Amino acid sequence: NLTGANLTRASLQQASLRGANLSNTKLIAITGWALMAQGAK
């Protein structure tokens, strides 16, 4: 559950967020090469 979290400029390369709740989350300018977020909200 990452609702409302702030991940601005975080590095999430090859991270797995399958089925995660990202509603209203800040993922501004992240490094997310090959990020896996299938079925995320």
PDB file of all heavy atoms in Angstrom:
ATOM      1  N   ASN A   1       0.855  -1.191   0.000  1.00  0.00           N
ATOM      2  CA  ASN A   1       0.000   0.000   0.000  1.00  0.00           C
ATOM      3  C   ASN A   1       0.888   1.238   0.000  1.00  0.00           C
ATOM      4  O   ASN A   1       1.514   1.564   1.011  1.00  0.00           O
ATOM      5  CB  ASN A   1      -0.910  -0.003   1.226  1.00  0.00           C
ATOM      6  CG  ASN A   1      -1.860   1.191   1.246  1.00  0.00           C
ATOM      7  OD1 ASN A   1      -1.823   2.045   0.361  1.00  0.00           O
ATOM      8  ND2 ASN A   1      -2.708   1.259   2.259  1.00  0.00           N
ATOM      9  N   LEU A   2       0.944   1.921  -1.155  1.00  0.00           N
ATOM     10  CA  LEU A   2       1.782   3.117  -1.299  1.00  0.00           C
ATOM     11  C   LEU A   2       0.927   4.357  -1.571  1.00  0.00           C
ATOM     12  O   LEU A   2       1.424   5.350  -2.100  1.00  0.00           O
ATOM     13  CB  LEU A   2       2.775   2.906  -2.441  1.00  0.00           C
ATOM     14  CG  LEU A   2       3.926   1.933  -2.148  1.00  0.00           C
ATOM     15  CD1 LEU A   2       4.434   1.287  -3.426  1.00  0.00           C
ATOM     16  CD2 LEU A   2       5.062   2.659  -1.443  1.00  0.00           C
ATOM     17  N   THR A   3      -0.332   4.309  -1.198  1.00  0.00           N
ATOM     18  CA  THR A   3      -1.212   5.439  -1.474  1.00  0.00           C
ATOM     19  C   THR A   3      -0.674   6.714  -0.813  1.00  0.00           C
ATOM     20  O   THR A   3      -0.350   6.727   0.371  1.00  0.00           O
ATOM     21  CB  THR A   3      -2.645   5.182  -0.961  1.00  0.00           C
ATOM     22  OG1 THR A   3      -2.597   4.836   0.427  1.00  0.00           O
ATOM     23  CG2 THR A   3      -3.300   4.056  -1.731  1.00  0.00           C
ATOM     24  N   GLY A   4      -0.571   7.754  -1.631  1.00  0.00           N
ATOM     25  CA  GLY A   4      -0.131   9.042  -1.110  1.00  0.00           C
ATOM     26  C   GLY A   4       1.336   9.121  -0.751  1.00  0.00           C
ATOM     27  O   GLY A   4       1.795  10.124  -0.208  1.00  0.00           O
ATOM     28  N   ALA A   5       2.119   8.081  -1.043  1.00  0.00           N
ATOM     29  CA  ALA A   5       3.553   8.102  -0.728  1.00  0.00           C
ATOM     30  C   ALA A   5       4.304   8.984  -1.731  1.00  0.00           C
ATOM     31  O   ALA A   5       3.829   9.226  -2.842  1.00  0.00           O
ATOM     32  CB  ALA A   5       4.117   6.688  -0.755  1.00  0.00           C
ATOM     33  N   ASN A   6       5.468   9.450  -1.331  1.00  0.00           N
ATOM     34  CA  ASN A   6       6.289  10.300  -2.194  1.00  0.00           C
ATOM     35  C   ASN A   6       7.589   9.573  -2.527  1.00  0.00           C
ATOM     36  O   ASN A   6       8.450   9.388  -1.672  1.00  0.00           O
ATOM     37  CB  ASN A   6       6.587  11.630  -1.505  1.00  0.00           C
ATOM     38  CG  ASN A   6       7.265  12.630  -2.425  1.00  0.00           C
ATOM     39  OD1 ASN A   6       7.719  12.289  -3.517  1.00  0.00           O
ATOM     40  ND2 ASN A   6       7.336  13.882  -1.998  1.00  0.00           N
ATOM     41  N   LEU A   7       7.703   9.152  -3.795  1.00  0.00           N
ATOM     42  CA  LEU A   7       8.908   8.458  -4.257  1.00  0.00           C
ATOM     43  C   LEU A   7       9.653   9.279  -5.305  1.00  0.00           C
ATOM     44  O   LEU A   7      10.347   8.745  -6.161  1.00  0.00           O
ATOM     45  CB  LEU A   7       8.555   7.085  -4.837  1.00  0.00           C
ATOM     46  CG  LEU A   7       8.127   6.008  -3.837  1.00  0.00           C
ATOM     47  CD1 LEU A   7       6.618   6.019  -3.667  1.00  0.00           C
ATOM     48  CD2 LEU A   7       8.576   4.627  -4.279  1.00  0.00           C
ATOM     49  N   THR A   8       9.520  10.574  -5.232  1.00  0.00           N
ATOM     50  CA  THR A   8      10.174  11.446  -6.207  1.00  0.00           C
ATOM     51  C   THR A   8      11.668  11.146  -6.303  1.00  0.00           C
ATOM     52  O   THR A   8      12.367  11.081  -5.296  1.00  0.00           O
ATOM     53  CB  THR A   8       9.966  12.924  -5.815  1.00  0.00           C
ATOM     54  OG1 THR A   8       8.564  13.214  -5.848  1.00  0.00           O
ATOM     55  CG2 THR A   8      10.688  13.849  -6.782  1.00  0.00           C
ATOM     56  N   ARG A   9      12.125  10.926  -7.529  1.00  0.00           N
ATOM     57  CA  ARG A   9      13.529  10.643  -7.852  1.00  0.00           C
ATOM     58  C   ARG A   9      14.101   9.403  -7.156  1.00  0.00           C
ATOM     59  O   ARG A   9      15.311   9.261  -6.986  1.00  0.00           O
ATOM     60  CB  ARG A   9      14.414  11.867  -7.582  1.00  0.00           C
ATOM     61  CG  ARG A   9      14.073  13.061  -8.468  1.00  0.00           C
ATOM     62  CD  ARG A   9      15.096  14.163  -8.381  1.00  0.00           C
ATOM     63  NE  ARG A   9      14.755  15.282  -9.259  1.00  0.00           N
ATOM     64  CZ  ARG A   9      14.955  15.330 -10.573  1.00  0.00           C
ATOM     65  NH1 ARG A   9      15.537  14.309 -11.177  1.00  0.00           N
ATOM     66  NH2 ARG A   9      14.607  16.373 -11.286  1.00  0.00           N
ATOM     67  N   ALA A  10      13.224   8.512  -6.740  1.00  0.00           N
ATOM     68  CA  ALA A  10      13.701   7.230  -6.199  1.00  0.00           C
ATOM     69  C   ALA A  10      14.171   6.348  -7.349  1.00  0.00           C
ATOM     70  O   ALA A  10      13.810   6.554  -8.511  1.00  0.00           O
ATOM     71  CB  ALA A  10      12.582   6.538  -5.425  1.00  0.00           C
ATOM     72  N   SER A  11      14.993   5.358  -7.040  1.00  0.00           N
ATOM     73  CA  SER A  11      15.454   4.402  -8.043  1.00  0.00           C
ATOM     74  C   SER A  11      14.751   3.067  -7.813  1.00  0.00           C
ATOM     75  O   SER A  11      14.865   2.477  -6.737  1.00  0.00           O
ATOM     76  CB  SER A  11      16.977   4.222  -7.967  1.00  0.00           C
ATOM     77  OG  SER A  11      17.427   3.371  -9.002  1.00  0.00           O
ATOM     78  N   LEU A  12      14.007   2.619  -8.832  1.00  0.00           N
ATOM     79  CA  LEU A  12      13.230   1.387  -8.728  1.00  0.00           C
ATOM     80  C   LEU A  12      13.527   0.457  -9.902  1.00  0.00           C
ATOM     81  O   LEU A  12      12.650  -0.211 -10.431  1.00  0.00           O
ATOM     82  CB  LEU A  12      11.735   1.713  -8.691  1.00  0.00           C
ATOM     83  CG  LEU A  12      11.248   2.404  -7.417  1.00  0.00           C
ATOM     84  CD1 LEU A  12      10.388   3.606  -7.739  1.00  0.00           C
ATOM     85  CD2 LEU A  12      10.466   1.426  -6.560  1.00  0.00           C
ATOM     86  N   GLN A  13      14.785   0.386 -10.296  1.00  0.00           N
ATOM     87  CA  GLN A  13      15.140  -0.446 -11.422  1.00  0.00           C
ATOM     88  C   GLN A  13      14.907  -1.924 -11.110  1.00  0.00           C
ATOM     89  O   GLN A  13      15.379  -2.438 -10.096  1.00  0.00           O
ATOM     90  CB  GLN A  13      16.604  -0.213 -11.807  1.00  0.00           C
ATOM     91  CG  GLN A  13      16.860   1.216 -12.282  1.00  0.00           C
ATOM     92  CD  GLN A  13      18.286   1.417 -12.750  1.00  0.00           C
ATOM     93  OE1 GLN A  13      18.583   1.198 -13.916  1.00  0.00           O
ATOM     94  NE2 GLN A  13      19.156   1.834 -11.840  1.00  0.00           N
ATOM     95  N   GLN A  14      14.120  -2.570 -11.962  1.00  0.00           N
ATOM     96  CA  GLN A  14      13.776  -3.982 -11.822  1.00  0.00           C
ATOM     97  C   GLN A  14      13.064  -4.296 -10.505  1.00  0.00           C
ATOM     98  O   GLN A  14      13.043  -5.447 -10.056  1.00  0.00           O
ATOM     99  CB  GLN A  14      15.018  -4.867 -11.968  1.00  0.00           C
ATOM    100  CG  GLN A  14      15.626  -4.819 -13.365  1.00  0.00           C
ATOM    101  CD  GLN A  14      16.807  -5.758 -13.510  1.00  0.00           C
ATOM    102  OE1 GLN A  14      17.909  -5.447 -13.084  1.00  0.00           O
ATOM    103  NE2 GLN A  14      16.583  -6.916 -14.105  1.00  0.00           N
ATOM    104  N   ALA A  15      12.471  -3.285  -9.912  1.00  0.00           N
ATOM    105  CA  ALA A  15      11.660  -3.513  -8.711  1.00  0.00           C
ATOM    106  C   ALA A  15      10.322  -4.131  -9.109  1.00  0.00           C
ATOM    107  O   ALA A  15       9.857  -3.954 -10.234  1.00  0.00           O
ATOM    108  CB  ALA A  15      11.437  -2.205  -7.965  1.00  0.00           C
ATOM    109  N   SER A  16       9.703  -4.853  -8.197  1.00  0.00           N
ATOM    110  CA  SER A  16       8.428  -5.495  -8.468  1.00  0.00           C
ATOM    111  C   SER A  16       7.325  -4.874  -7.612  1.00  0.00           C
ATOM    112  O   SER A  16       7.388  -4.915  -6.379  1.00  0.00           O
ATOM    113  CB  SER A  16       8.513  -7.000  -8.193  1.00  0.00           C
ATOM    114  OG  SER A  16       7.268  -7.624  -8.457  1.00  0.00           O
ATOM    115  N   LEU A  17       6.318  -4.289  -8.299  1.00  0.00           N
ATOM    116  CA  LEU A  17       5.184  -3.674  -7.614  1.00  0.00           C
ATOM    117  C   LEU A  17       3.880  -4.285  -8.119  1.00  0.00           C
ATOM    118  O   LEU A  17       2.862  -3.617  -8.240  1.00  0.00           O
ATOM    119  CB  LEU A  17       5.171  -2.162  -7.825  1.00  0.00           C
ATOM    120  CG  LEU A  17       6.249  -1.342  -7.119  1.00  0.00           C
ATOM    121  CD1 LEU A  17       7.514  -1.250  -7.978  1.00  0.00           C
ATOM    122  CD2 LEU A  17       5.752   0.069  -6.810  1.00  0.00           C
ATOM    123  N   ARG A  18       3.908  -5.559  -8.394  1.00  0.00           N
ATOM    124  CA  ARG A  18       2.718  -6.221  -8.919  1.00  0.00           C
ATOM    125  C   ARG A  18       1.567  -6.121  -7.930  1.00  0.00           C
ATOM    126  O   ARG A  18       1.702  -6.476  -6.766  1.00  0.00           O
ATOM    127  CB  ARG A  18       3.028  -7.685  -9.225  1.00  0.00           C
ATOM    128  CG  ARG A  18       3.999  -7.889 -10.386  1.00  0.00           C
ATOM    129  CD  ARG A  18       4.320  -9.374 -10.571  1.00  0.00           C
ATOM    130  NE  ARG A  18       5.148  -9.627 -11.741  1.00  0.00           N
ATOM    131  CZ  ARG A  18       6.485  -9.615 -11.738  1.00  0.00           C
ATOM    132  NH1 ARG A  18       7.133  -9.345 -10.603  1.00  0.00           N
ATOM    133  NH2 ARG A  18       7.163  -9.868 -12.836  1.00  0.00           N
ATOM    134  N   GLY A  19       0.435  -5.608  -8.422  1.00  0.00           N
ATOM    135  CA  GLY A  19      -0.751  -5.495  -7.584  1.00  0.00           C
ATOM    136  C   GLY A  19      -0.667  -4.453  -6.485  1.00  0.00           C
ATOM    137  O   GLY A  19      -1.546  -4.374  -5.619  1.00  0.00           O
ATOM    138  N   ALA A  20       0.362  -3.616  -6.504  1.00  0.00           N
ATOM    139  CA  ALA A  20       0.517  -2.584  -5.467  1.00  0.00           C
ATOM    140  C   ALA A  20      -0.503  -1.473  -5.656  1.00  0.00           C
ATOM    141  O   ALA A  20      -0.975  -1.211  -6.762  1.00  0.00           O
ATOM    142  CB  ALA A  20       1.930  -2.005  -5.512  1.00  0.00           C
ATOM    143  N   ASN A  21      -0.849  -0.795  -4.561  1.00  0.00           N
ATOM    144  CA  ASN A  21      -1.756   0.351  -4.620  1.00  0.00           C
ATOM    145  C   ASN A  21      -0.914   1.620  -4.679  1.00  0.00           C
ATOM    146  O   ASN A  21      -0.285   2.007  -3.693  1.00  0.00           O
ATOM    147  CB  ASN A  21      -2.669   0.374  -3.391  1.00  0.00           C
ATOM    148  CG  ASN A  21      -3.809   1.374  -3.562  1.00  0.00           C
ATOM    149  OD1 ASN A  21      -3.732   2.300  -4.365  1.00  0.00           O
ATOM    150  ND2 ASN A  21      -4.879   1.182  -2.810  1.00  0.00           N
ATOM    151  N   LEU A  22      -0.905   2.250  -5.857  1.00  0.00           N
ATOM    152  CA  LEU A  22      -0.112   3.452  -6.087  1.00  0.00           C
ATOM    153  C   LEU A  22      -0.992   4.694  -6.258  1.00  0.00           C
ATOM    154  O   LEU A  22      -0.531   5.715  -6.774  1.00  0.00           O
ATOM    155  CB  LEU A  22       0.740   3.271  -7.354  1.00  0.00           C
ATOM    156  CG  LEU A  22       1.626   2.023  -7.427  1.00  0.00           C
ATOM    157  CD1 LEU A  22       2.259   1.898  -8.807  1.00  0.00           C
ATOM    158  CD2 LEU A  22       2.698   2.079  -6.353  1.00  0.00           C
ATOM    159  N   SER A  23      -2.219   4.614  -5.837  1.00  0.00           N
ATOM    160  CA  SER A  23      -3.146   5.732  -6.041  1.00  0.00           C
ATOM    161  C   SER A  23      -2.655   7.002  -5.358  1.00  0.00           C
ATOM    162  O   SER A  23      -2.239   6.981  -4.195  1.00  0.00           O
ATOM    163  CB  SER A  23      -4.533   5.359  -5.505  1.00  0.00           C
ATOM    164  OG  SER A  23      -5.046   4.252  -6.213  1.00  0.00           O
ATOM    165  N   ASN A  24      -2.675   8.093  -6.129  1.00  0.00           N
ATOM    166  CA  ASN A  24      -2.256   9.412  -5.624  1.00  0.00           C
ATOM    167  C   ASN A  24      -0.813   9.425  -5.115  1.00  0.00           C
ATOM    168  O   ASN A  24      -0.440  10.232  -4.266  1.00  0.00           O
ATOM    169  CB  ASN A  24      -3.202   9.889  -4.508  1.00  0.00           C
ATOM    170  CG  ASN A  24      -4.623  10.041  -5.005  1.00  0.00           C
ATOM    171  OD1 ASN A  24      -4.895  10.797  -5.931  1.00  0.00           O
ATOM    172  ND2 ASN A  24      -5.548   9.290  -4.405  1.00  0.00           N
ATOM    173  N   THR A  25      -0.002   8.519  -5.654  1.00  0.00           N
ATOM    174  CA  THR A  25       1.404   8.433  -5.268  1.00  0.00           C
ATOM    175  C   THR A  25       2.262   9.285  -6.194  1.00  0.00           C
ATOM    176  O   THR A  25       1.986   9.392  -7.385  1.00  0.00           O
ATOM    177  CB  THR A  25       1.872   6.965  -5.322  1.00  0.00           C
ATOM    178  OG1 THR A  25       1.057   6.204  -4.425  1.00  0.00           O
ATOM    179  CG2 THR A  25       3.327   6.823  -4.924  1.00  0.00           C
ATOM    180  N   LYS A  26       3.322   9.882  -5.661  1.00  0.00           N
ATOM    181  CA  LYS A  26       4.254  10.669  -6.472  1.00  0.00           C
ATOM    182  C   LYS A  26       5.443   9.793  -6.854  1.00  0.00           C
ATOM    183  O   LYS A  26       6.236   9.393  -5.995  1.00  0.00           O
ATOM    184  CB  LYS A  26       4.736  11.898  -5.712  1.00  0.00           C
ATOM    185  CG  LYS A  26       3.664  12.954  -5.488  1.00  0.00           C
ATOM    186  CD  LYS A  26       4.222  14.169  -4.761  1.00  0.00           C
ATOM    187  CE  LYS A  26       3.146  15.219  -4.545  1.00  0.00           C
ATOM    188  NZ  LYS A  26       3.681  16.397  -3.806  1.00  0.00           N
ATOM    189  N   LEU A  27       5.549   9.506  -8.149  1.00  0.00           N
ATOM    190  CA  LEU A  27       6.679   8.758  -8.681  1.00  0.00           C
ATOM    191  C   LEU A  27       7.379   9.635  -9.720  1.00  0.00           C
ATOM    192  O   LEU A  27       7.816   9.172 -10.765  1.00  0.00           O
ATOM    193  CB  LEU A  27       6.193   7.446  -9.293  1.00  0.00           C
ATOM    194  CG  LEU A  27       5.709   6.421  -8.253  1.00  0.00           C
ATOM    195  CD1 LEU A  27       4.553   5.600  -8.774  1.00  0.00           C
ATOM    196  CD2 LEU A  27       6.846   5.496  -7.847  1.00  0.00           C
ATOM    197  N   ILE A  28       7.509  10.901  -9.383  1.00  0.00           N
ATOM    198  CA  ILE A  28       8.053  11.901 -10.295  1.00  0.00           C
ATOM    199  C   ILE A  28       9.541  11.644 -10.548  1.00  0.00           C
ATOM    200  O   ILE A  28      10.326  11.487  -9.610  1.00  0.00           O
ATOM    201  CB  ILE A  28       7.854  13.318  -9.723  1.00  0.00           C
ATOM    202  CG1 ILE A  28       6.363  13.590  -9.493  1.00  0.00           C
ATOM    203  CG2 ILE A  28       8.462  14.378 -10.630  1.00  0.00           C
ATOM    204  CD1 ILE A  28       6.090  14.836  -8.650  1.00  0.00           C
ATOM    205  N   ALA A  29       9.899  11.595 -11.826  1.00  0.00           N
ATOM    206  CA  ALA A  29      11.305  11.476 -12.244  1.00  0.00           C
ATOM    207  C   ALA A  29      12.016  10.275 -11.625  1.00  0.00           C
ATOM    208  O   ALA A  29      13.224  10.319 -11.373  1.00  0.00           O
ATOM    209  CB  ALA A  29      12.067  12.767 -11.927  1.00  0.00           C
ATOM    210  N   ILE A  30      11.294   9.192 -11.369  1.00  0.00           N
ATOM    211  CA  ILE A  30      11.953   7.995 -10.849  1.00  0.00           C
ATOM    212  C   ILE A  30      12.783   7.316 -11.952  1.00  0.00           C
ATOM    213  O   ILE A  30      12.542   7.521 -13.138  1.00  0.00           O
ATOM    214  CB  ILE A  30      10.956   6.976 -10.274  1.00  0.00           C
ATOM    215  CG1 ILE A  30      10.051   6.416 -11.391  1.00  0.00           C
ATOM    216  CG2 ILE A  30      10.152   7.551  -9.141  1.00  0.00           C
ATOM    217  CD1 ILE A  30       9.286   5.168 -10.986  1.00  0.00           C
ATOM    218  N   THR A  31      13.741   6.520 -11.533  1.00  0.00           N
ATOM    219  CA  THR A  31      14.473   5.664 -12.454  1.00  0.00           C
ATOM    220  C   THR A  31      13.848   4.284 -12.325  1.00  0.00           C
ATOM    221  O   THR A  31      14.065   3.588 -11.325  1.00  0.00           O
ATOM    222  CB  THR A  31      15.973   5.609 -12.106  1.00  0.00           C
ATOM    223  OG1 THR A  31      16.506   6.936 -12.141  1.00  0.00           O
ATOM    224  CG2 THR A  31      16.735   4.749 -13.107  1.00  0.00           C
ATOM    225  N   GLY A  32      13.041   3.915 -13.312  1.00  0.00           N
ATOM    226  CA  GLY A  32      12.268   2.677 -13.197  1.00  0.00           C
ATOM    227  C   GLY A  32      12.458   1.725 -14.357  1.00  0.00           C
ATOM    228  O   GLY A  32      11.482   1.138 -14.838  1.00  0.00           O
ATOM    229  N   TRP A  33      13.699   1.575 -14.816  1.00  0.00           N
ATOM    230  CA  TRP A  33      13.959   0.656 -15.912  1.00  0.00           C
ATOM    231  C   TRP A  33      13.500  -0.751 -15.533  1.00  0.00           C
ATOM    232  O   TRP A  33      13.807  -1.266 -14.466  1.00  0.00           O
ATOM    233  CB  TRP A  33      15.460   0.640 -16.231  1.00  0.00           C
ATOM    234  CG  TRP A  33      15.828  -0.334 -17.314  1.00  0.00           C
ATOM    235  CD1 TRP A  33      15.703  -0.143 -18.658  1.00  0.00           C
ATOM    236  CD2 TRP A  33      16.337  -1.653 -17.137  1.00  0.00           C
ATOM    237  NE1 TRP A  33      16.111  -1.269 -19.336  1.00  0.00           N
ATOM    238  CE2 TRP A  33      16.509  -2.218 -18.426  1.00  0.00           C
ATOM    239  CE3 TRP A  33      16.670  -2.421 -16.021  1.00  0.00           C
ATOM    240  CZ2 TRP A  33      16.992  -3.507 -18.627  1.00  0.00           C
ATOM    241  CZ3 TRP A  33      17.153  -3.710 -16.214  1.00  0.00           C
ATOM    242  CH2 TRP A  33      17.311  -4.233 -17.513  1.00  0.00           C
ATOM    243  N   ALA A  34      12.674  -1.352 -16.435  1.00  0.00           N
ATOM    244  CA  ALA A  34      12.185  -2.723 -16.244  1.00  0.00           C
ATOM    245  C   ALA A  34      11.385  -2.897 -14.951  1.00  0.00           C
ATOM    246  O   ALA A  34      11.339  -3.988 -14.375  1.00  0.00           O
ATOM    247  CB  ALA A  34      13.331  -3.733 -16.309  1.00  0.00           C
ATOM    248  N   LEU A  35      10.757  -1.831 -14.496  1.00  0.00           N
ATOM    249  CA  LEU A  35       9.862  -1.911 -13.335  1.00  0.00           C
ATOM    250  C   LEU A  35       8.698  -2.847 -13.650  1.00  0.00           C
ATOM    251  O   LEU A  35       8.119  -2.788 -14.732  1.00  0.00           O
ATOM    252  CB  LEU A  35       9.332  -0.507 -13.026  1.00  0.00           C
ATOM    253  CG  LEU A  35       8.253  -0.353 -11.956  1.00  0.00           C
ATOM    254  CD1 LEU A  35       8.859  -0.561 -10.581  1.00  0.00           C
ATOM    255  CD2 LEU A  35       7.617   1.024 -12.044  1.00  0.00           C
ATOM    256  N   MET A  36       8.320  -3.707 -12.717  1.00  0.00           N
ATOM    257  CA  MET A  36       7.224  -4.647 -12.917  1.00  0.00           C
ATOM    258  C   MET A  36       6.032  -4.229 -12.055  1.00  0.00           C
ATOM    259  O   MET A  36       6.099  -4.319 -10.828  1.00  0.00           O
ATOM    260  CB  MET A  36       7.671  -6.069 -12.550  1.00  0.00           C
ATOM    261  CG  MET A  36       8.819  -6.599 -13.399  1.00  0.00           C
ATOM    262  SD  MET A  36       8.313  -6.856 -15.113  1.00  0.00           S
ATOM    263  CE  MET A  36       9.916  -7.006 -15.916  1.00  0.00           C
ATOM    264  N   ALA A  37       4.970  -3.742 -12.704  1.00  0.00           N
ATOM    265  CA  ALA A  37       3.811  -3.268 -11.948  1.00  0.00           C
ATOM    266  C   ALA A  37       2.505  -3.775 -12.563  1.00  0.00           C
ATOM    267  O   ALA A  37       1.502  -3.067 -12.619  1.00  0.00           O
ATOM    268  CB  ALA A  37       3.817  -1.744 -11.895  1.00  0.00           C
ATOM    269  N   GLN A  38       2.526  -5.021 -13.005  1.00  0.00           N
ATOM    270  CA  GLN A  38       1.325  -5.598 -13.586  1.00  0.00           C
ATOM    271  C   GLN A  38       0.194  -5.634 -12.547  1.00  0.00           C
ATOM    272  O   GLN A  38       0.394  -6.014 -11.407  1.00  0.00           O
ATOM    273  CB  GLN A  38       1.602  -7.017 -14.099  1.00  0.00           C
ATOM    274  CG  GLN A  38       2.592  -7.085 -15.246  1.00  0.00           C
ATOM    275  CD  GLN A  38       4.018  -7.360 -14.802  1.00  0.00           C
ATOM    276  OE1 GLN A  38       4.434  -6.878 -13.745  1.00  0.00           O
ATOM    277  NE2 GLN A  38       4.753  -8.131 -15.579  1.00  0.00           N
ATOM    278  N   GLY A  39      -0.989  -5.207 -12.982  1.00  0.00           N
ATOM    279  CA  GLY A  39      -2.147  -5.247 -12.100  1.00  0.00           C
ATOM    280  C   GLY A  39      -2.134  -4.227 -10.976  1.00  0.00           C
ATOM    281  O   GLY A  39      -2.955  -4.288 -10.058  1.00  0.00           O
ATOM    282  N   ALA A  40      -1.222  -3.272 -11.041  1.00  0.00           N
ATOM    283  CA  ALA A  40      -1.168  -2.240  -9.989  1.00  0.00           C
ATOM    284  C   ALA A  40      -2.366  -1.300 -10.087  1.00  0.00           C
ATOM    285  O   ALA A  40      -2.979  -1.149 -11.143  1.00  0.00           O
ATOM    286  CB  ALA A  40       0.131  -1.450 -10.111  1.00  0.00           C
ATOM    287  N   LYS A  41      -2.680  -0.664  -8.955  1.00  0.00           N
ATOM    288  CA  LYS A  41      -3.757   0.321  -8.915  1.00  0.00           C
ATOM    289  C   LYS A  41      -3.099   1.690  -8.775  1.00  0.00           C
ATOM    290  O   LYS A  41      -2.516   1.987  -7.730  1.00  0.00           O
ATOM    291  CB  LYS A  41      -4.690   0.037  -7.746  1.00  0.00           C
ATOM    292  CG  LYS A  41      -5.332  -1.347  -7.795  1.00  0.00           C
ATOM    293  CD  LYS A  41      -6.100  -1.638  -6.510  1.00  0.00           C
ATOM    294  CE  LYS A  41      -6.705  -3.038  -6.543  1.00  0.00           C
ATOM    295  NZ  LYS A  41      -5.659  -4.096  -6.552  1.00  0.00           N
TER     296      LYS A  41
END
